[in-house]
Amino acid sequence: MSKKKTSRKNHPNNRSGLAAYLRMPAVQVGILAVVALIVYWIATTSGAGGGASTLAREISVDEAYAKYESGTFVLDVRTQEEWDEYHTPNTTLIPLDQLPARLSELPKDQEIVVVCRSGNRSQQGRDILLDAGFNATSMAGGLKEWYAKGYPVEGAPQ
């Protein structure tokens, strides 16, 4: 009665190829990291900060004017001094640095188009609103382009 020795090579618990590779902890961690990145990418590109926005993230001055004409809420995030120089009639001023503290002054049940002088601060304002659950978009080109196209303003840029 001799015991038959099995070589490690042929042992049933010894796996080779893809199965062995996938059982390695470093590979499993790598796979989880890739899956997590894919989930993160999907989450950040589809919802933008918790707001279920149906608006484009940025619209042209012409699109913003059409929304303005239809009664969409327009939020100007420039400074008081810029507002006093010129602004679009029937819009609301909340300077960008005050926006996070004044969100309660904005309608949660309407679209909001965020504007500024050239279009940079409006993107930041839009992102603040999206993160707070508002339905917001920003206007590319800013009020400089709005004014150049002849859309309504009170005052004039200097």
C-alpha atoms as a PDB file:
ATOM      1  CA  MET A   1       0.000   0.000   0.000  1.00  0.00           C
ATOM      2  CA  SER A   2       1.998   2.745  -1.177  1.00  0.00           C
ATOM      3  CA  LYS A   3       0.688   6.230  -1.212  1.00  0.00           C
ATOM      4  CA  LYS A   4       0.598   7.707  -4.599  1.00  0.00           C
ATOM      5  CA  LYS A   5       2.247  11.084  -4.671  1.00  0.00           C
ATOM      6  CA  THR A   6       0.604  13.706  -6.784  1.00  0.00           C
ATOM      7  CA  SER A   7       2.755  16.406  -8.137  1.00  0.00           C
ATOM      8  CA  ARG A   8       1.903  19.975  -7.351  1.00  0.00           C
ATOM      9  CA  LYS A   9       1.515  20.564 -11.032  1.00  0.00           C
ATOM     10  CA  ASN A  10      -1.433  18.205 -11.302  1.00  0.00           C
ATOM     11  CA  HIS A  11      -3.017  18.906  -7.920  1.00  0.00           C
ATOM     12  CA  PRO A  12      -6.714  19.893  -8.293  1.00  0.00           C
ATOM     13  CA  ASN A  13      -6.339  22.951  -6.014  1.00  0.00           C
ATOM     14  CA  ASN A  14      -3.499  24.328  -8.081  1.00  0.00           C
ATOM     15  CA  ARG A  15      -5.033  26.627 -10.702  1.00  0.00           C
ATOM     16  CA  SER A  16      -3.291  28.119 -13.634  1.00  0.00           C
ATOM     17  CA  GLY A  17      -4.047  30.629 -16.298  1.00  0.00           C
ATOM     18  CA  LEU A  18      -6.763  33.259 -15.990  1.00  0.00           C
ATOM     19  CA  ALA A  19      -8.378  31.783 -12.888  1.00  0.00           C
ATOM     20  CA  ALA A  20      -5.126  31.974 -10.947  1.00  0.00           C
ATOM     21  CA  TYR A  21      -4.481  35.473 -12.186  1.00  0.00           C
ATOM     22  CA  LEU A  22      -7.939  36.674 -11.108  1.00  0.00           C
ATOM     23  CA  ARG A  23      -7.464  35.173  -7.631  1.00  0.00           C
ATOM     24  CA  MET A  24      -4.465  37.408  -6.939  1.00  0.00           C
ATOM     25  CA  PRO A  25      -5.371  40.146  -4.411  1.00  0.00           C
ATOM     26  CA  ALA A  26      -3.572  42.890  -6.354  1.00  0.00           C
ATOM     27  CA  VAL A  27      -5.547  42.044  -9.484  1.00  0.00           C
ATOM     28  CA  GLN A  28      -8.828  42.024  -7.542  1.00  0.00           C
ATOM     29  CA  VAL A  29      -8.052  45.433  -6.058  1.00  0.00           C
ATOM     30  CA  GLY A  30      -7.186  46.731  -9.521  1.00  0.00           C
ATOM     31  CA  ILE A  31     -10.466  45.485 -10.943  1.00  0.00           C
ATOM     32  CA  LEU A  32     -12.391  47.128  -8.100  1.00  0.00           C
ATOM     33  CA  ALA A  33     -10.547  50.402  -8.723  1.00  0.00           C
ATOM     34  CA  VAL A  34     -11.450  50.353 -12.410  1.00  0.00           C
ATOM     35  CA  VAL A  35     -15.104  49.622 -11.619  1.00  0.00           C
ATOM     36  CA  ALA A  36     -15.140  52.441  -9.044  1.00  0.00           C
ATOM     37  CA  LEU A  37     -13.687  54.878 -11.597  1.00  0.00           C
ATOM     38  CA  ILE A  38     -16.316  53.902 -14.149  1.00  0.00           C
ATOM     39  CA  VAL A  39     -19.117  54.392 -11.604  1.00  0.00           C
ATOM     40  CA  TYR A  40     -17.642  57.761 -10.561  1.00  0.00           C
ATOM     41  CA  TRP A  41     -17.368  58.876 -14.192  1.00  0.00           C
ATOM     42  CA  ILE A  42     -20.981  57.915 -14.903  1.00  0.00           C
ATOM     43  CA  ALA A  43     -22.210  59.683 -11.761  1.00  0.00           C
ATOM     44  CA  THR A  44     -20.344  62.922 -12.454  1.00  0.00           C
ATOM     45  CA  THR A  45     -21.260  63.163 -16.118  1.00  0.00           C
ATOM     46  CA  SER A  46     -24.929  62.302 -15.828  1.00  0.00           C
ATOM     47  CA  GLY A  47     -26.238  64.172 -12.821  1.00  0.00           C
ATOM     48  CA  ALA A  48     -23.858  67.000 -11.977  1.00  0.00           C
ATOM     49  CA  GLY A  49     -23.946  67.304  -8.239  1.00  0.00           C
ATOM     50  CA  GLY A  50     -27.277  65.928  -7.193  1.00  0.00           C
ATOM     51  CA  GLY A  51     -29.432  68.299  -9.197  1.00  0.00           C
ATOM     52  CA  ALA A  52     -31.627  66.462 -11.653  1.00  0.00           C
ATOM     53  CA  SER A  53     -30.996  69.109 -14.256  1.00  0.00           C
ATOM     54  CA  THR A  54     -32.672  68.828 -17.616  1.00  0.00           C
ATOM     55  CA  LEU A  55     -30.935  71.967 -18.883  1.00  0.00           C
ATOM     56  CA  ALA A  56     -27.709  72.076 -20.820  1.00  0.00           C
ATOM     57  CA  ARG A  57     -24.773  72.944 -18.581  1.00  0.00           C
ATOM     58  CA  GLU A  58     -24.097  76.029 -20.695  1.00  0.00           C
ATOM     59  CA  ILE A  59     -26.183  77.846 -23.277  1.00  0.00           C
ATOM     60  CA  SER A  60     -25.480  80.585 -25.793  1.00  0.00           C
ATOM     61  CA  VAL A  61     -26.515  84.205 -25.358  1.00  0.00           C
ATOM     62  CA  ASP A  62     -29.233  83.699 -27.987  1.00  0.00           C
ATOM     63  CA  GLU A  63     -30.627  80.673 -26.133  1.00  0.00           C
ATOM     64  CA  ALA A  64     -30.479  82.611 -22.847  1.00  0.00           C
ATOM     65  CA  TYR A  65     -32.348  85.515 -24.445  1.00  0.00           C
ATOM     66  CA  ALA A  66     -35.099  83.159 -25.643  1.00  0.00           C
ATOM     67  CA  LYS A  67     -35.423  81.769 -22.106  1.00  0.00           C
ATOM     68  CA  TYR A  68     -35.407  85.316 -20.665  1.00  0.00           C
ATOM     69  CA  GLU A  69     -38.220  86.287 -23.056  1.00  0.00           C
ATOM     70  CA  SER A  70     -40.251  83.260 -21.949  1.00  0.00           C
ATOM     71  CA  GLY A  71     -39.944  84.247 -18.283  1.00  0.00           C
ATOM     72  CA  THR A  72     -37.135  82.000 -17.086  1.00  0.00           C
ATOM     73  CA  PHE A  73     -35.526  83.151 -13.822  1.00  0.00           C
ATOM     74  CA  VAL A  74     -32.206  84.895 -14.588  1.00  0.00           C
ATOM     75  CA  LEU A  75     -29.605  85.214 -11.833  1.00  0.00           C
ATOM     76  CA  ASP A  76     -26.750  87.721 -12.180  1.00  0.00           C
ATOM     77  CA  VAL A  77     -23.711  86.772 -10.070  1.00  0.00           C
ATOM     78  CA  ARG A  78     -21.594  89.880 -10.712  1.00  0.00           C
ATOM     79  CA  THR A  79     -20.725  92.445  -8.047  1.00  0.00           C
ATOM     80  CA  GLN A  80     -23.045  95.253  -6.981  1.00  0.00           C
ATOM     81  CA  GLU A  81     -20.774  97.756  -8.770  1.00  0.00           C
ATOM     82  CA  GLU A  82     -21.018  95.835 -12.053  1.00  0.00           C
ATOM     83  CA  TRP A  83     -24.794  95.583 -11.630  1.00  0.00           C
ATOM     84  CA  ASP A  84     -25.087  99.336 -11.032  1.00  0.00           C
ATOM     85  CA  GLU A  85     -23.152  99.999 -14.250  1.00  0.00           C
ATOM     86  CA  TYR A  86     -25.552  97.912 -16.360  1.00  0.00           C
ATOM     87  CA  HIS A  87     -27.759  94.837 -16.049  1.00  0.00           C
ATOM     88  CA  THR A  88     -30.579  92.997 -17.739  1.00  0.00           C
ATOM     89  CA  PRO A  89     -34.018  94.239 -16.626  1.00  0.00           C
ATOM     90  CA  ASN A  90     -36.139  91.979 -14.404  1.00  0.00           C
ATOM     91  CA  THR A  91     -33.239  89.808 -13.263  1.00  0.00           C
ATOM     92  CA  THR A  92     -31.954  89.078  -9.764  1.00  0.00           C
ATOM     93  CA  LEU A  93     -28.534  90.032  -8.412  1.00  0.00           C
ATOM     94  CA  ILE A  94     -26.770  87.781  -5.926  1.00  0.00           C
ATOM     95  CA  PRO A  95     -22.988  88.246  -6.129  1.00  0.00           C
ATOM     96  CA  LEU A  96     -21.120  84.965  -6.499  1.00  0.00           C
ATOM     97  CA  ASP A  97     -19.379  85.280  -3.132  1.00  0.00           C
ATOM     98  CA  GLN A  98     -22.782  85.592  -1.416  1.00  0.00           C
ATOM     99  CA  LEU A  99     -24.557  82.863  -3.383  1.00  0.00           C
ATOM    100  CA  PRO A 100     -24.029  79.877  -1.049  1.00  0.00           C
ATOM    101  CA  ALA A 101     -25.505  81.837   1.886  1.00  0.00           C
ATOM    102  CA  ARG A 102     -28.481  83.141  -0.113  1.00  0.00           C
ATOM    103  CA  LEU A 103     -29.767  80.015  -1.846  1.00  0.00           C
ATOM    104  CA  SER A 104     -33.069  80.281   0.023  1.00  0.00           C
ATOM    105  CA  GLU A 105     -33.879  83.390  -2.047  1.00  0.00           C
ATOM    106  CA  LEU A 106     -33.996  81.361  -5.264  1.00  0.00           C
ATOM    107  CA  PRO A 107     -36.858  79.310  -6.730  1.00  0.00           C
ATOM    108  CA  LYS A 108     -36.360  75.546  -6.489  1.00  0.00           C
ATOM    109  CA  ASP A 109     -39.230  74.838  -8.889  1.00  0.00           C
ATOM    110  CA  GLN A 110     -37.975  76.820 -11.914  1.00  0.00           C
ATOM    111  CA  GLU A 111     -35.120  76.841 -14.355  1.00  0.00           C
ATOM    112  CA  ILE A 112     -32.389  79.337 -13.483  1.00  0.00           C
ATOM    113  CA  VAL A 113     -30.051  80.866 -16.041  1.00  0.00           C
ATOM    114  CA  VAL A 114     -26.906  82.207 -14.364  1.00  0.00           C
ATOM    115  CA  VAL A 115     -25.147  85.186 -15.989  1.00  0.00           C
ATOM    116  CA  CYS A 116     -22.066  87.295 -15.319  1.00  0.00           C
ATOM    117  CA  ARG A 117     -19.838  89.706 -17.251  1.00  0.00           C
ATOM    118  CA  SER A 118     -17.980  87.250 -19.495  1.00  0.00           C
ATOM    119  CA  GLY A 119     -19.262  83.761 -18.644  1.00  0.00           C
ATOM    120  CA  ASN A 120     -16.689  82.522 -16.116  1.00  0.00           C
ATOM    121  CA  ARG A 121     -18.369  83.315 -12.799  1.00  0.00           C
ATOM    122  CA  SER A 122     -21.700  82.121 -14.150  1.00  0.00           C
ATOM    123  CA  GLN A 123     -20.237  78.614 -14.517  1.00  0.00           C
ATOM    124  CA  GLN A 124     -19.184  78.671 -10.861  1.00  0.00           C
ATOM    125  CA  GLY A 125     -22.630  79.944  -9.857  1.00  0.00           C
ATOM    126  CA  ARG A 126     -24.317  77.250 -11.929  1.00  0.00           C
ATOM    127  CA  ASP A 127     -22.229  74.571 -10.224  1.00  0.00           C
ATOM    128  CA  ILE A 128     -23.132  75.919  -6.769  1.00  0.00           C
ATOM    129  CA  LEU A 129     -26.805  75.763  -7.726  1.00  0.00           C
ATOM    130  CA  LEU A 130     -26.542  72.280  -9.231  1.00  0.00           C
ATOM    131  CA  ASP A 131     -24.817  71.016  -6.082  1.00  0.00           C
ATOM    132  CA  ALA A 132     -27.697  72.468  -4.043  1.00  0.00           C
ATOM    133  CA  GLY A 133     -30.314  70.698  -6.170  1.00  0.00           C
ATOM    134  CA  PHE A 134     -31.405  73.565  -8.427  1.00  0.00           C
ATOM    135  CA  ASN A 135     -32.130  73.235 -12.142  1.00  0.00           C
ATOM    136  CA  ALA A 136     -29.526  75.663 -13.479  1.00  0.00           C
ATOM    137  CA  THR A 137     -27.470  76.474 -16.536  1.00  0.00           C
ATOM    138  CA  SER A 138     -24.967  79.211 -17.323  1.00  0.00           C
ATOM    139  CA  MET A 139     -24.779  81.654 -20.213  1.00  0.00           C
ATOM    140  CA  ALA A 140     -21.608  81.538 -22.312  1.00  0.00           C
ATOM    141  CA  GLY A 141     -20.249  84.901 -23.421  1.00  0.00           C
ATOM    142  CA  GLY A 142     -21.736  86.829 -20.525  1.00  0.00           C
ATOM    143  CA  LEU A 143     -23.469  90.185 -20.474  1.00  0.00           C
ATOM    144  CA  LYS A 144     -20.718  91.689 -22.627  1.00  0.00           C
ATOM    145  CA  GLU A 145     -21.946  89.554 -25.527  1.00  0.00           C
ATOM    146  CA  TRP A 146     -25.599  90.096 -24.471  1.00  0.00           C
ATOM    147  CA  TYR A 147     -25.084  93.862 -24.750  1.00  0.00           C
ATOM    148  CA  ALA A 148     -23.168  93.561 -28.044  1.00  0.00           C
ATOM    149  CA  LYS A 149     -26.105  91.671 -29.578  1.00  0.00           C
ATOM    150  CA  GLY A 150     -28.461  94.480 -28.619  1.00  0.00           C
ATOM    151  CA  TYR A 151     -30.473  92.573 -26.045  1.00  0.00           C
ATOM    152  CA  PRO A 152     -32.125  94.708 -23.345  1.00  0.00           C
ATOM    153  CA  VAL A 153     -30.017  96.270 -20.601  1.00  0.00           C
ATOM    154  CA  GLU A 154     -30.467  99.066 -18.135  1.00  0.00           C
ATOM    155  CA  GLY A 155     -27.385 101.315 -18.175  1.00  0.00           C
ATOM    156  CA  ALA A 156     -24.387 100.764 -20.419  1.00  0.00           C
ATOM    157  CA  PRO A 157     -20.979  99.144 -20.008  1.00  0.00           C
ATOM    158  CA  GLN A 158     -18.114 101.581 -19.586  1.00  0.00           C
END
